C-alpha atoms as a PDB file:
ATOM      1  CA  MET A   1      -7.336  -1.964   4.716  1.00  0.00           C
ATOM      2  CA  ALA A   2     -10.266  -1.460   2.380  1.00  0.00           C
ATOM      3  CA  ARG A   3      -9.948   2.225   2.576  1.00  0.00           C
ATOM      4  CA  ILE A   4      -6.254   2.044   1.684  1.00  0.00           C
ATOM      5  CA  GLN A   5      -7.101  -0.255  -1.213  1.00  0.00           C
ATOM      6  CA  GLU A   6      -9.683   2.336  -2.377  1.00  0.00           C
ATOM      7  CA  GLN A   7      -7.166   5.236  -2.160  1.00  0.00           C
ATOM      8  CA  VAL A   8      -4.472   3.289  -4.009  1.00  0.00           C
ATOM      9  CA  GLU A   9      -6.864   2.467  -6.796  1.00  0.00           C
ATOM     10  CA  ALA A  10      -7.896   6.023  -7.066  1.00  0.00           C
ATOM     11  CA  ILE A  11      -4.299   7.131  -7.418  1.00  0.00           C
ATOM     12  CA  ARG A  12      -3.626   4.501 -10.048  1.00  0.00           C
ATOM     13  CA  ASP A  13      -6.969   5.518 -11.982  1.00  0.00           C
ATOM     14  CA  ARG A  14      -5.533   9.049 -12.068  1.00  0.00           C
ATOM     15  CA  SER A  15      -1.939   7.747 -13.262  1.00  0.00           C
ATOM     16  CA  PHE A  16      -0.232   9.485 -10.500  1.00  0.00           C
ATOM     17  CA  ALA A  17       3.400   8.723  -9.976  1.00  0.00           C
ATOM     18  CA  GLY A  18       3.241   6.862  -6.643  1.00  0.00           C
ATOM     19  CA  VAL A  19       1.710   6.541  -3.282  1.00  0.00           C
ATOM     20  CA  SER A  20       2.881   7.784   0.080  1.00  0.00           C
ATOM     21  CA  PHE A  21       1.919   6.707   3.442  1.00  0.00           C
ATOM     22  CA  PHE A  22       2.384   9.430   6.068  1.00  0.00           C
ATOM     23  CA  PHE A  23       2.651   7.093   9.081  1.00  0.00           C
ATOM     24  CA  TYR A  24       3.884   3.752   7.693  1.00  0.00           C
ATOM     25  CA  GLU A  25       3.618   2.069  11.064  1.00  0.00           C
ATOM     26  CA  SER A  26      -0.152   2.573  11.199  1.00  0.00           C
ATOM     27  CA  LEU A  27      -0.569   0.177   8.203  1.00  0.00           C
ATOM     28  CA  TRP A  28       0.134  -2.801  10.547  1.00  0.00           C
ATOM     29  CA  TRP A  29      -2.258  -1.746  13.392  1.00  0.00           C
ATOM     30  CA  SER A  30      -5.686  -3.234  13.202  1.00  0.00           C
ATOM     31  CA  ASP A  31      -8.555  -4.445  15.459  1.00  0.00           C
ATOM     32  CA  SER A  32     -10.001  -6.437  12.840  1.00  0.00           C
ATOM     33  CA  GLU A  33      -7.137  -8.051  10.826  1.00  0.00           C
ATOM     34  CA  THR A  34      -3.952  -9.893  11.841  1.00  0.00           C
ATOM     35  CA  LEU A  35      -0.610  -8.542  11.002  1.00  0.00           C
ATOM     36  CA  GLU A  36      -0.260 -11.246   8.436  1.00  0.00           C
ATOM     37  CA  GLN A  37      -3.578 -10.391   6.857  1.00  0.00           C
ATOM     38  CA  ARG A  38      -2.518  -6.754   6.535  1.00  0.00           C
ATOM     39  CA  GLN A  39       0.889  -7.641   5.074  1.00  0.00           C
ATOM     40  CA  ASP A  40      -0.726  -9.816   2.635  1.00  0.00           C
ATOM     41  CA  SER A  41      -3.092  -7.013   1.568  1.00  0.00           C
ATOM     42  CA  VAL A  42      -0.160  -4.580   1.065  1.00  0.00           C
ATOM     43  CA  ARG A  43       1.797  -7.164  -0.912  1.00  0.00           C
ATOM     44  CA  ALA A  44      -1.212  -7.616  -3.266  1.00  0.00           C
ATOM     45  CA  LEU A  45      -1.390  -3.871  -3.715  1.00  0.00           C
ATOM     46  CA  PHE A  46       2.226  -3.635  -4.606  1.00  0.00           C
ATOM     47  CA  PRO A  47       3.360  -6.995  -6.158  1.00  0.00           C
ATOM     48  CA  ASN A  48       6.245  -5.584  -8.090  1.00  0.00           C
ATOM     49  CA  ALA A  49       9.481  -4.086  -6.670  1.00  0.00           C
ATOM     50  CA  ALA A  50      10.155  -0.493  -7.589  1.00  0.00           C
ATOM     51  CA  VAL A  51      12.965  -0.094 -10.084  1.00  0.00           C
ATOM     52  CA  ARG A  52      15.362   2.659  -8.838  1.00  0.00           C
ATOM     53  CA  PRO A  53      18.002   4.112 -11.194  1.00  0.00           C
ATOM     54  CA  GLN A  54      21.625   3.635 -10.225  1.00  0.00           C
ATOM     55  CA  PRO A  55      23.509   6.639  -9.320  1.00  0.00           C
END
């Protein structure tokens, strides 16, 4: 999760429009953290819901 946090911070430092995870399910697999710990970490990285324009 530390590497993901570093990468998200780098993207934000460069003012890119967003973040893409190529294999979303891999975010939840870890030998060193519980599922709940990883979910909490992702929530901390993205505390606000994305605003999507209505069609």
